[in-house]
């Protein structure tokens, strides 16, 4: 494997000599493609961009006999490679280069001409040298990029603080559980002042954590409420008939196009999640309905026993 990577990124003559006894496929390549993006698992990498360098080599299947026409529609265009990078970088904020490499590879290998590819991604600003990953992937050995078409479309249920404290909370959850629908519970911050910070990013995190603290208060009132902080776990929970309570920090902070609403406007934040999750509908318990003409909404008073 190490030699194959070396040959992939080396001079074509070196690869031709090394693989003279085997069948070689033609290749297209993208070299030293540098993009500035926010990526990384460390705290110092959040809220700032860094340079990421992509080197990608794609082995392509030969064209049919007589197909060597000067027609861009018959070949794997370089644009498909750069578009795959741009799409995955825009999809969500990622922590790991490994994840980014896998997703770029999956997207390129959906092209019918692509047989195998080599991906090298490096961070250029994290040290005195380039830090990176290299992967090799073949067509037919990976899942299609993106979520499956049968992904759940949940109902989101927003609980006010009065609803969390209501003696009817257990009855509401009983009913939600009996419906066997994908369900995500959402809350706002508790009715206590949050600490104040001088920096906007710090305050945003404080406000998001205040919501998460209240999510744990709800989970403490009913063991069926499981606090969840990632999109992957939300999808898993919905498929396995589990009632989730959304802890927003990770999804909000990792979003490339995050919500414009302040975390202090909890209902606006939940509406953003509903649109991200392509929710079927939303129930608001204990507060006035927000303005959302594109989403079916219904309200329930915090003193009412049934939904």
C-alpha atoms as a PDB file:
ATOM      1  CA  UNK A   1       0.000   0.000   0.000  1.00  0.00           C
ATOM      2  CA  UNK A   2       2.821   2.440   0.851  1.00  0.00           C
ATOM      3  CA  UNK A   3       4.414   1.850  -2.573  1.00  0.00           C
ATOM      4  CA  UNK A   4       1.100   2.394  -4.337  1.00  0.00           C
ATOM      5  CA  UNK A   5       0.670   5.744  -2.622  1.00  0.00           C
ATOM      6  CA  UNK A   6       4.242   6.653  -3.522  1.00  0.00           C
ATOM      7  CA  UNK A   7       3.633   5.749  -7.179  1.00  0.00           C
ATOM      8  CA  UNK A   8       0.289   7.530  -7.259  1.00  0.00           C
ATOM      9  CA  UNK A   9       1.782  10.856  -6.272  1.00  0.00           C
ATOM     10  CA  UNK A  10       5.136  10.305  -7.952  1.00  0.00           C
ATOM     11  CA  UNK A  11       6.240  11.018 -11.494  1.00  0.00           C
ATOM     12  CA  UNK A  12       4.321   8.988 -14.141  1.00  0.00           C
ATOM     13  CA  UNK A  13       7.576   7.436 -15.389  1.00  0.00           C
ATOM     14  CA  UNK A  14       8.368   6.068 -11.913  1.00  0.00           C
ATOM     15  CA  UNK A  15       4.944   4.458 -11.675  1.00  0.00           C
ATOM     16  CA  UNK A  16       5.136   3.049 -15.205  1.00  0.00           C
ATOM     17  CA  UNK A  17       8.456   1.376 -14.472  1.00  0.00           C
ATOM     18  CA  UNK A  18       7.304  -0.026 -11.123  1.00  0.00           C
ATOM     19  CA  UNK A  19       4.064  -1.453 -12.519  1.00  0.00           C
ATOM     20  CA  UNK A  20       5.299  -2.580 -15.938  1.00  0.00           C
ATOM     21  CA  UNK A  21       3.954  -6.116 -15.463  1.00  0.00           C
ATOM     22  CA  UNK A  22       0.426  -5.034 -14.533  1.00  0.00           C
ATOM     23  CA  UNK A  23      -2.454  -3.302 -16.250  1.00  0.00           C
ATOM     24  CA  UNK A  24      -2.393   0.427 -15.643  1.00  0.00           C
ATOM     25  CA  UNK A  25      -5.341   2.759 -15.825  1.00  0.00           C
ATOM     26  CA  UNK A  26      -5.168   6.341 -16.991  1.00  0.00           C
ATOM     27  CA  UNK A  27      -5.147   8.954 -14.250  1.00  0.00           C
ATOM     28  CA  UNK A  28      -6.309  12.484 -13.709  1.00  0.00           C
ATOM     29  CA  UNK A  29      -4.875  14.519 -10.862  1.00  0.00           C
ATOM     30  CA  UNK A  30      -5.427  17.606  -8.773  1.00  0.00           C
ATOM     31  CA  UNK A  31      -2.202  18.891  -7.262  1.00  0.00           C
ATOM     32  CA  UNK A  32      -1.581  21.374  -4.453  1.00  0.00           C
ATOM     33  CA  UNK A  33      -5.176  22.606  -4.324  1.00  0.00           C
ATOM     34  CA  UNK A  34      -5.243  24.899  -1.260  1.00  0.00           C
ATOM     35  CA  UNK A  35      -8.437  25.965   0.505  1.00  0.00           C
ATOM     36  CA  UNK A  36      -8.897  28.062   3.648  1.00  0.00           C
ATOM     37  CA  UNK A  37     -11.467  26.465   5.916  1.00  0.00           C
ATOM     38  CA  UNK A  38     -12.383  26.035   9.573  1.00  0.00           C
ATOM     39  CA  UNK A  39     -11.571  22.461  10.538  1.00  0.00           C
ATOM     40  CA  UNK A  40     -10.088  20.629  13.509  1.00  0.00           C
ATOM     41  CA  UNK A  41     -10.893  19.051  16.848  1.00  0.00           C
ATOM     42  CA  UNK A  42      -8.775  21.340  19.015  1.00  0.00           C
ATOM     43  CA  UNK A  43     -10.222  24.411  20.679  1.00  0.00           C
ATOM     44  CA  UNK A  44      -7.583  26.606  19.022  1.00  0.00           C
ATOM     45  CA  UNK A  45      -8.934  25.534  15.615  1.00  0.00           C
ATOM     46  CA  UNK A  46     -12.474  26.775  16.268  1.00  0.00           C
ATOM     47  CA  UNK A  47     -13.541  30.198  15.106  1.00  0.00           C
ATOM     48  CA  UNK A  48     -10.575  30.519  12.742  1.00  0.00           C
ATOM     49  CA  UNK A  49      -9.588  29.223   9.308  1.00  0.00           C
ATOM     50  CA  UNK A  50      -6.449  27.416   8.225  1.00  0.00           C
ATOM     51  CA  UNK A  51      -4.973  26.325   4.916  1.00  0.00           C
ATOM     52  CA  UNK A  52      -5.728  22.781   3.776  1.00  0.00           C
ATOM     53  CA  UNK A  53      -3.871  21.299   0.798  1.00  0.00           C
ATOM     54  CA  UNK A  54      -5.478  18.591  -1.380  1.00  0.00           C
ATOM     55  CA  UNK A  55      -3.662  16.224  -3.712  1.00  0.00           C
ATOM     56  CA  UNK A  56      -5.974  13.760  -5.451  1.00  0.00           C
ATOM     57  CA  UNK A  57      -5.202  11.189  -8.133  1.00  0.00           C
ATOM     58  CA  UNK A  58      -8.096   9.345  -9.789  1.00  0.00           C
ATOM     59  CA  UNK A  59      -7.606   6.206 -11.877  1.00  0.00           C
ATOM     60  CA  UNK A  60     -10.255   6.207 -14.610  1.00  0.00           C
ATOM     61  CA  UNK A  61     -11.750   3.371 -16.602  1.00  0.00           C
ATOM     62  CA  UNK A  62     -10.811   3.323 -20.301  1.00  0.00           C
ATOM     63  CA  UNK A  63     -13.288   4.770 -22.750  1.00  0.00           C
ATOM     64  CA  UNK A  64     -15.072   2.355 -25.112  1.00  0.00           C
ATOM     65  CA  UNK A  65     -13.405   1.605 -28.425  1.00  0.00           C
ATOM     66  CA  UNK A  66     -13.758   4.550 -30.720  1.00  0.00           C
ATOM     67  CA  UNK A  67     -14.691   6.790 -27.805  1.00  0.00           C
ATOM     68  CA  UNK A  68     -11.629   9.023 -27.835  1.00  0.00           C
ATOM     69  CA  UNK A  69     -13.607  12.055 -28.868  1.00  0.00           C
ATOM     70  CA  UNK A  70     -12.759  15.562 -27.795  1.00  0.00           C
ATOM     71  CA  UNK A  71     -15.938  15.741 -25.682  1.00  0.00           C
ATOM     72  CA  UNK A  72     -15.813  16.849 -22.039  1.00  0.00           C
ATOM     73  CA  UNK A  73     -19.094  15.049 -21.300  1.00  0.00           C
ATOM     74  CA  UNK A  74     -17.452  11.686 -21.948  1.00  0.00           C
ATOM     75  CA  UNK A  75     -14.635  12.022 -19.441  1.00  0.00           C
ATOM     76  CA  UNK A  76     -14.250  12.563 -15.699  1.00  0.00           C
ATOM     77  CA  UNK A  77     -13.793  16.307 -15.557  1.00  0.00           C
ATOM     78  CA  UNK A  78     -11.370  17.977 -13.148  1.00  0.00           C
ATOM     79  CA  UNK A  79     -14.323  20.086 -12.053  1.00  0.00           C
ATOM     80  CA  UNK A  80     -15.910  16.980 -10.523  1.00  0.00           C
ATOM     81  CA  UNK A  81     -12.912  16.650  -8.225  1.00  0.00           C
ATOM     82  CA  UNK A  82     -12.899  20.266  -7.071  1.00  0.00           C
ATOM     83  CA  UNK A  83     -16.696  20.233  -6.738  1.00  0.00           C
ATOM     84  CA  UNK A  84     -16.490  17.172  -4.471  1.00  0.00           C
ATOM     85  CA  UNK A  85     -14.079  19.044  -2.196  1.00  0.00           C
ATOM     86  CA  UNK A  86     -16.208  22.192  -2.137  1.00  0.00           C
ATOM     87  CA  UNK A  87     -19.406  20.234  -1.467  1.00  0.00           C
ATOM     88  CA  UNK A  88     -18.008  18.319   1.503  1.00  0.00           C
ATOM     89  CA  UNK A  89     -16.433  21.427   3.023  1.00  0.00           C
ATOM     90  CA  UNK A  90     -19.769  23.249   2.758  1.00  0.00           C
ATOM     91  CA  UNK A  91     -21.840  20.363   4.128  1.00  0.00           C
ATOM     92  CA  UNK A  92     -20.763  20.751   7.764  1.00  0.00           C
ATOM     93  CA  UNK A  93     -17.801  21.700   9.911  1.00  0.00           C
ATOM     94  CA  UNK A  94     -15.555  18.675  10.410  1.00  0.00           C
ATOM     95  CA  UNK A  95     -13.069  17.839  13.131  1.00  0.00           C
ATOM     96  CA  UNK A  96     -10.961  15.245  11.314  1.00  0.00           C
ATOM     97  CA  UNK A  97      -9.063  15.190   8.025  1.00  0.00           C
ATOM     98  CA  UNK A  98      -9.780  11.456   7.949  1.00  0.00           C
ATOM     99  CA  UNK A  99     -13.523  12.133   7.763  1.00  0.00           C
ATOM    100  CA  UNK A 100     -13.056  14.741   5.047  1.00  0.00           C
ATOM    101  CA  UNK A 101     -10.860  12.394   2.982  1.00  0.00           C
ATOM    102  CA  UNK A 102     -13.437   9.579   3.217  1.00  0.00           C
ATOM    103  CA  UNK A 103     -16.311  11.834   2.158  1.00  0.00           C
ATOM    104  CA  UNK A 104     -14.422  13.365  -0.761  1.00  0.00           C
ATOM    105  CA  UNK A 105     -13.433   9.876  -1.910  1.00  0.00           C
ATOM    106  CA  UNK A 106     -17.017   8.594  -1.674  1.00  0.00           C
ATOM    107  CA  UNK A 107     -18.346  11.483  -3.730  1.00  0.00           C
ATOM    108  CA  UNK A 108     -15.743  11.180  -6.500  1.00  0.00           C
ATOM    109  CA  UNK A 109     -16.176   7.395  -6.720  1.00  0.00           C
ATOM    110  CA  UNK A 110     -19.843   7.882  -7.545  1.00  0.00           C
ATOM    111  CA  UNK A 111     -18.678   9.073 -10.967  1.00  0.00           C
ATOM    112  CA  UNK A 112     -19.001   6.130 -13.393  1.00  0.00           C
ATOM    113  CA  UNK A 113     -15.511   6.622 -14.861  1.00  0.00           C
ATOM    114  CA  UNK A 114     -13.723   6.562 -11.481  1.00  0.00           C
ATOM    115  CA  UNK A 115     -12.174   3.186 -10.606  1.00  0.00           C
ATOM    116  CA  UNK A 116      -9.794   4.022  -7.773  1.00  0.00           C
ATOM    117  CA  UNK A 117      -8.396   7.142  -6.185  1.00  0.00           C
ATOM    118  CA  UNK A 118      -5.686   8.373  -3.877  1.00  0.00           C
ATOM    119  CA  UNK A 119      -6.390  11.283  -1.550  1.00  0.00           C
ATOM    120  CA  UNK A 120      -3.814  13.234   0.408  1.00  0.00           C
ATOM    121  CA  UNK A 121      -4.986  16.118   2.629  1.00  0.00           C
ATOM    122  CA  UNK A 122      -2.580  18.218   4.673  1.00  0.00           C
ATOM    123  CA  UNK A 123      -2.845  21.038   7.190  1.00  0.00           C
ATOM    124  CA  UNK A 124      -0.248  23.655   6.348  1.00  0.00           C
ATOM    125  CA  UNK A 125      -0.533  25.934   9.384  1.00  0.00           C
ATOM    126  CA  UNK A 126      -0.437  23.575  12.376  1.00  0.00           C
ATOM    127  CA  UNK A 127       3.325  23.190  12.686  1.00  0.00           C
ATOM    128  CA  UNK A 128       6.682  23.603  10.994  1.00  0.00           C
ATOM    129  CA  UNK A 129       5.712  20.988   8.384  1.00  0.00           C
ATOM    130  CA  UNK A 130       2.583  19.655   6.710  1.00  0.00           C
ATOM    131  CA  UNK A 131       0.394  17.371   8.828  1.00  0.00           C
ATOM    132  CA  UNK A 132      -1.967  15.132   6.930  1.00  0.00           C
ATOM    133  CA  UNK A 133      -3.598  11.861   5.937  1.00  0.00           C
ATOM    134  CA  UNK A 134      -3.462   9.660   2.830  1.00  0.00           C
ATOM    135  CA  UNK A 135      -6.104   7.132   1.791  1.00  0.00           C
ATOM    136  CA  UNK A 136      -6.726   4.792  -1.158  1.00  0.00           C
ATOM    137  CA  UNK A 137     -10.285   3.811  -2.087  1.00  0.00           C
ATOM    138  CA  UNK A 138     -11.810   1.701  -4.873  1.00  0.00           C
ATOM    139  CA  UNK A 139     -15.209   2.008  -6.510  1.00  0.00           C
ATOM    140  CA  UNK A 140     -17.789  -0.435  -5.176  1.00  0.00           C
ATOM    141  CA  UNK A 141     -16.261  -0.715  -1.700  1.00  0.00           C
ATOM    142  CA  UNK A 142     -17.927   2.233   0.010  1.00  0.00           C
ATOM    143  CA  UNK A 143     -21.423   3.420   0.843  1.00  0.00           C
ATOM    144  CA  UNK A 144     -22.904   6.218  -1.290  1.00  0.00           C
ATOM    145  CA  UNK A 145     -22.229   9.694   0.023  1.00  0.00           C
ATOM    146  CA  UNK A 146     -24.907  11.360   2.096  1.00  0.00           C
ATOM    147  CA  UNK A 147     -27.778  10.045   4.169  1.00  0.00           C
ATOM    148  CA  UNK A 148     -30.088   7.307   2.842  1.00  0.00           C
ATOM    149  CA  UNK A 149     -33.313   8.382   1.163  1.00  0.00           C
ATOM    150  CA  UNK A 150     -35.421   6.797   3.920  1.00  0.00           C
ATOM    151  CA  UNK A 151     -34.025   9.026   6.656  1.00  0.00           C
ATOM    152  CA  UNK A 152     -36.599   9.856   9.348  1.00  0.00           C
ATOM    153  CA  UNK A 153     -38.539  13.114   9.315  1.00  0.00           C
ATOM    154  CA  UNK A 154     -39.094  13.689  13.036  1.00  0.00           C
ATOM    155  CA  UNK A 155     -41.517  15.668  15.087  1.00  0.00           C
ATOM    156  CA  UNK A 156     -39.782  18.223  17.273  1.00  0.00           C
ATOM    157  CA  UNK A 157     -41.349  18.911  20.657  1.00  0.00           C
ATOM    158  CA  UNK A 158     -40.301  22.101  22.430  1.00  0.00           C
ATOM    159  CA  UNK A 159     -40.826  22.056  26.205  1.00  0.00           C
ATOM    160  CA  UNK A 160     -40.926  25.311  28.153  1.00  0.00           C
ATOM    161  CA  UNK A 161     -39.524  25.379  31.670  1.00  0.00           C
ATOM    162  CA  UNK A 162     -43.084  25.237  33.000  1.00  0.00           C
ATOM    163  CA  UNK A 163     -43.653  22.101  30.925  1.00  0.00           C
ATOM    164  CA  UNK A 164     -40.446  20.491  32.228  1.00  0.00           C
ATOM    165  CA  UNK A 165     -41.637  21.112  35.778  1.00  0.00           C
ATOM    166  CA  UNK A 166     -45.248  20.081  35.061  1.00  0.00           C
ATOM    167  CA  UNK A 167     -46.735  17.027  36.801  1.00  0.00           C
ATOM    168  CA  UNK A 168     -48.046  16.045  33.354  1.00  0.00           C
ATOM    169  CA  UNK A 169     -44.544  15.582  31.894  1.00  0.00           C
ATOM    170  CA  UNK A 170     -44.647  11.809  32.287  1.00  0.00           C
ATOM    171  CA  UNK A 171     -48.065  11.599  30.584  1.00  0.00           C
ATOM    172  CA  UNK A 172     -46.835  13.628  27.618  1.00  0.00           C
ATOM    173  CA  UNK A 173     -43.828  11.363  27.202  1.00  0.00           C
ATOM    174  CA  UNK A 174     -46.096   8.317  27.542  1.00  0.00           C
ATOM    175  CA  UNK A 175     -48.119   9.601  24.606  1.00  0.00           C
ATOM    176  CA  UNK A 176     -45.053  10.428  22.515  1.00  0.00           C
ATOM    177  CA  UNK A 177     -43.662   6.969  23.182  1.00  0.00           C
ATOM    178  CA  UNK A 178     -46.977   5.320  22.222  1.00  0.00           C
ATOM    179  CA  UNK A 179     -47.016   7.122  18.864  1.00  0.00           C
ATOM    180  CA  UNK A 180     -43.762   5.395  17.766  1.00  0.00           C
ATOM    181  CA  UNK A 181     -42.772   8.432  15.729  1.00  0.00           C
ATOM    182  CA  UNK A 182     -39.224   9.769  15.422  1.00  0.00           C
ATOM    183  CA  UNK A 183     -39.200  12.410  18.168  1.00  0.00           C
ATOM    184  CA  UNK A 184     -36.680  14.994  19.343  1.00  0.00           C
ATOM    185  CA  UNK A 185     -37.345  16.969  22.511  1.00  0.00           C
ATOM    186  CA  UNK A 186     -35.904  20.480  22.708  1.00  0.00           C
ATOM    187  CA  UNK A 187     -35.598  22.918  25.597  1.00  0.00           C
ATOM    188  CA  UNK A 188     -34.355  26.424  26.276  1.00  0.00           C
ATOM    189  CA  UNK A 189     -32.127  27.651  29.108  1.00  0.00           C
ATOM    190  CA  UNK A 190     -33.314  27.540  32.705  1.00  0.00           C
ATOM    191  CA  UNK A 191     -34.951  30.614  34.236  1.00  0.00           C
ATOM    192  CA  UNK A 192     -31.719  31.818  35.810  1.00  0.00           C
ATOM    193  CA  UNK A 193     -29.284  34.434  34.452  1.00  0.00           C
ATOM    194  CA  UNK A 194     -26.397  32.947  32.498  1.00  0.00           C
ATOM    195  CA  UNK A 195     -22.825  34.151  33.153  1.00  0.00           C
ATOM    196  CA  UNK A 196     -21.795  37.055  30.921  1.00  0.00           C
ATOM    197  CA  UNK A 197     -18.622  37.095  28.837  1.00  0.00           C
ATOM    198  CA  UNK A 198     -16.967  39.961  27.006  1.00  0.00           C
ATOM    199  CA  UNK A 199     -16.423  38.019  23.748  1.00  0.00           C
ATOM    200  CA  UNK A 200     -19.285  37.061  21.432  1.00  0.00           C
ATOM    201  CA  UNK A 201     -17.984  33.545  20.749  1.00  0.00           C
ATOM    202  CA  UNK A 202     -17.531  32.863  24.454  1.00  0.00           C
ATOM    203  CA  UNK A 203     -21.047  34.125  25.200  1.00  0.00           C
ATOM    204  CA  UNK A 204     -22.482  31.943  22.434  1.00  0.00           C
ATOM    205  CA  UNK A 205     -20.915  28.863  24.010  1.00  0.00           C
ATOM    206  CA  UNK A 206     -22.139  29.846  27.469  1.00  0.00           C
ATOM    207  CA  UNK A 207     -25.696  30.266  26.178  1.00  0.00           C
ATOM    208  CA  UNK A 208     -25.592  26.941  24.345  1.00  0.00           C
ATOM    209  CA  UNK A 209     -24.286  25.201  27.447  1.00  0.00           C
ATOM    210  CA  UNK A 210     -27.115  26.745  29.470  1.00  0.00           C
ATOM    211  CA  UNK A 211     -29.555  24.947  27.150  1.00  0.00           C
ATOM    212  CA  UNK A 212     -27.617  21.706  27.541  1.00  0.00           C
ATOM    213  CA  UNK A 213     -27.756  21.982  31.327  1.00  0.00           C
ATOM    214  CA  UNK A 214     -31.526  22.252  31.074  1.00  0.00           C
ATOM    215  CA  UNK A 215     -31.583  19.230  28.746  1.00  0.00           C
ATOM    216  CA  UNK A 216     -29.954  17.226  31.527  1.00  0.00           C
ATOM    217  CA  UNK A 217     -32.542  18.529  33.978  1.00  0.00           C
ATOM    218  CA  UNK A 218     -35.232  17.083  31.690  1.00  0.00           C
ATOM    219  CA  UNK A 219     -33.351  13.792  31.358  1.00  0.00           C
ATOM    220  CA  UNK A 220     -33.136  13.624  35.142  1.00  0.00           C
ATOM    221  CA  UNK A 221     -36.932  13.879  35.394  1.00  0.00           C
ATOM    222  CA  UNK A 222     -37.595  10.966  33.021  1.00  0.00           C
ATOM    223  CA  UNK A 223     -35.097   8.228  32.163  1.00  0.00           C
ATOM    224  CA  UNK A 224     -36.639   7.760  28.691  1.00  0.00           C
ATOM    225  CA  UNK A 225     -35.217  11.145  27.665  1.00  0.00           C
ATOM    226  CA  UNK A 226     -31.693  10.594  26.325  1.00  0.00           C
ATOM    227  CA  UNK A 227     -29.482  13.654  25.803  1.00  0.00           C
ATOM    228  CA  UNK A 228     -27.888  13.588  22.325  1.00  0.00           C
ATOM    229  CA  UNK A 229     -25.403  16.050  20.815  1.00  0.00           C
ATOM    230  CA  UNK A 230     -24.545  14.822  17.289  1.00  0.00           C
ATOM    231  CA  UNK A 231     -26.454  14.421  14.033  1.00  0.00           C
ATOM    232  CA  UNK A 232     -25.303  10.816  13.743  1.00  0.00           C
ATOM    233  CA  UNK A 233     -26.671   9.917  17.160  1.00  0.00           C
ATOM    234  CA  UNK A 234     -29.929  11.777  16.494  1.00  0.00           C
ATOM    235  CA  UNK A 235     -30.432   9.743  13.317  1.00  0.00           C
ATOM    236  CA  UNK A 236     -29.617   6.507  15.173  1.00  0.00           C
ATOM    237  CA  UNK A 237     -31.987   7.376  18.026  1.00  0.00           C
ATOM    238  CA  UNK A 238     -34.867   8.116  15.667  1.00  0.00           C
ATOM    239  CA  UNK A 239     -34.388   4.826  13.841  1.00  0.00           C
ATOM    240  CA  UNK A 240     -34.389   2.906  17.128  1.00  0.00           C
ATOM    241  CA  UNK A 241     -37.524   4.451  18.626  1.00  0.00           C
ATOM    242  CA  UNK A 242     -35.608   6.401  21.268  1.00  0.00           C
ATOM    243  CA  UNK A 243     -36.789   9.787  22.528  1.00  0.00           C
ATOM    244  CA  UNK A 244     -33.866  12.181  22.271  1.00  0.00           C
ATOM    245  CA  UNK A 245     -33.236  15.508  23.983  1.00  0.00           C
ATOM    246  CA  UNK A 246     -31.196  17.837  21.809  1.00  0.00           C
ATOM    247  CA  UNK A 247     -27.965  19.224  23.276  1.00  0.00           C
ATOM    248  CA  UNK A 248     -27.227  21.929  20.669  1.00  0.00           C
ATOM    249  CA  UNK A 249     -23.570  22.933  21.075  1.00  0.00           C
ATOM    250  CA  UNK A 250     -21.909  20.500  18.669  1.00  0.00           C
ATOM    251  CA  UNK A 251     -24.429  20.714  15.831  1.00  0.00           C
ATOM    252  CA  UNK A 252     -24.696  24.513  16.046  1.00  0.00           C
ATOM    253  CA  UNK A 253     -20.951  25.144  16.299  1.00  0.00           C
ATOM    254  CA  UNK A 254     -20.092  22.579  13.603  1.00  0.00           C
ATOM    255  CA  UNK A 255     -22.601  23.969  11.086  1.00  0.00           C
ATOM    256  CA  UNK A 256     -21.023  25.740   8.118  1.00  0.00           C
ATOM    257  CA  UNK A 257     -24.160  27.848   7.675  1.00  0.00           C
ATOM    258  CA  UNK A 258     -25.212  28.051  11.314  1.00  0.00           C
ATOM    259  CA  UNK A 259     -28.317  29.668  12.784  1.00  0.00           C
ATOM    260  CA  UNK A 260     -28.449  33.436  12.848  1.00  0.00           C
ATOM    261  CA  UNK A 261     -30.610  33.323  15.979  1.00  0.00           C
ATOM    262  CA  UNK A 262     -29.017  33.809  19.375  1.00  0.00           C
ATOM    263  CA  UNK A 263     -29.118  30.719  21.642  1.00  0.00           C
ATOM    264  CA  UNK A 264     -31.089  32.943  24.027  1.00  0.00           C
ATOM    265  CA  UNK A 265     -33.928  32.763  21.490  1.00  0.00           C
ATOM    266  CA  UNK A 266     -34.476  29.066  22.081  1.00  0.00           C
ATOM    267  CA  UNK A 267     -37.557  28.695  19.881  1.00  0.00           C
ATOM    268  CA  UNK A 268     -35.764  30.259  16.897  1.00  0.00           C
ATOM    269  CA  UNK A 269     -32.888  27.846  17.463  1.00  0.00           C
ATOM    270  CA  UNK A 270     -35.295  24.890  17.504  1.00  0.00           C
ATOM    271  CA  UNK A 271     -36.910  26.101  14.268  1.00  0.00           C
ATOM    272  CA  UNK A 272     -33.456  26.104  12.687  1.00  0.00           C
ATOM    273  CA  UNK A 273     -32.952  22.491  13.810  1.00  0.00           C
ATOM    274  CA  UNK A 274     -36.400  21.541  12.474  1.00  0.00           C
ATOM    275  CA  UNK A 275     -35.432  22.794   9.030  1.00  0.00           C
ATOM    276  CA  UNK A 276     -32.032  21.102   9.189  1.00  0.00           C
ATOM    277  CA  UNK A 277     -33.692  17.795  10.107  1.00  0.00           C
ATOM    278  CA  UNK A 278     -36.514  18.297   7.565  1.00  0.00           C
ATOM    279  CA  UNK A 279     -38.971  17.783  10.402  1.00  0.00           C
ATOM    280  CA  UNK A 280     -42.506  16.663   9.664  1.00  0.00           C
ATOM    281  CA  UNK A 281     -43.970  18.983  12.295  1.00  0.00           C
ATOM    282  CA  UNK A 282     -43.292  20.743  15.577  1.00  0.00           C
ATOM    283  CA  UNK A 283     -45.186  20.876  18.877  1.00  0.00           C
ATOM    284  CA  UNK A 284     -44.673  23.743  21.330  1.00  0.00           C
ATOM    285  CA  UNK A 285     -45.675  23.071  24.932  1.00  0.00           C
ATOM    286  CA  UNK A 286     -46.048  26.008  27.261  1.00  0.00           C
ATOM    287  CA  UNK A 287     -45.147  28.917  24.968  1.00  0.00           C
ATOM    288  CA  UNK A 288     -46.623  30.887  22.084  1.00  0.00           C
ATOM    289  CA  UNK A 289     -46.119  29.507  18.594  1.00  0.00           C
ATOM    290  CA  UNK A 290     -43.248  31.061  16.621  1.00  0.00           C
ATOM    291  CA  UNK A 291     -43.723  32.410  13.113  1.00  0.00           C
ATOM    292  CA  UNK A 292     -42.852  29.543  10.753  1.00  0.00           C
ATOM    293  CA  UNK A 293     -45.211  29.299   7.766  1.00  0.00           C
ATOM    294  CA  UNK A 294     -43.131  26.523   6.167  1.00  0.00           C
ATOM    295  CA  UNK A 295     -43.540  24.084   9.090  1.00  0.00           C
ATOM    296  CA  UNK A 296     -46.712  22.534  10.562  1.00  0.00           C
ATOM    297  CA  UNK A 297     -46.971  23.791  14.156  1.00  0.00           C
ATOM    298  CA  UNK A 298     -49.286  23.218  17.082  1.00  0.00           C
ATOM    299  CA  UNK A 299     -49.256  24.576  20.610  1.00  0.00           C
ATOM    300  CA  UNK A 300     -50.148  22.930  23.909  1.00  0.00           C
ATOM    301  CA  UNK A 301     -50.554  24.735  27.218  1.00  0.00           C
ATOM    302  CA  UNK A 302     -48.217  23.594  29.983  1.00  0.00           C
ATOM    303  CA  UNK A 303     -51.213  22.794  32.179  1.00  0.00           C
ATOM    304  CA  UNK A 304     -52.887  20.511  29.599  1.00  0.00           C
ATOM    305  CA  UNK A 305     -52.566  16.764  30.020  1.00  0.00           C
ATOM    306  CA  UNK A 306     -52.712  15.605  26.380  1.00  0.00           C
ATOM    307  CA  UNK A 307     -50.901  16.688  23.257  1.00  0.00           C
END
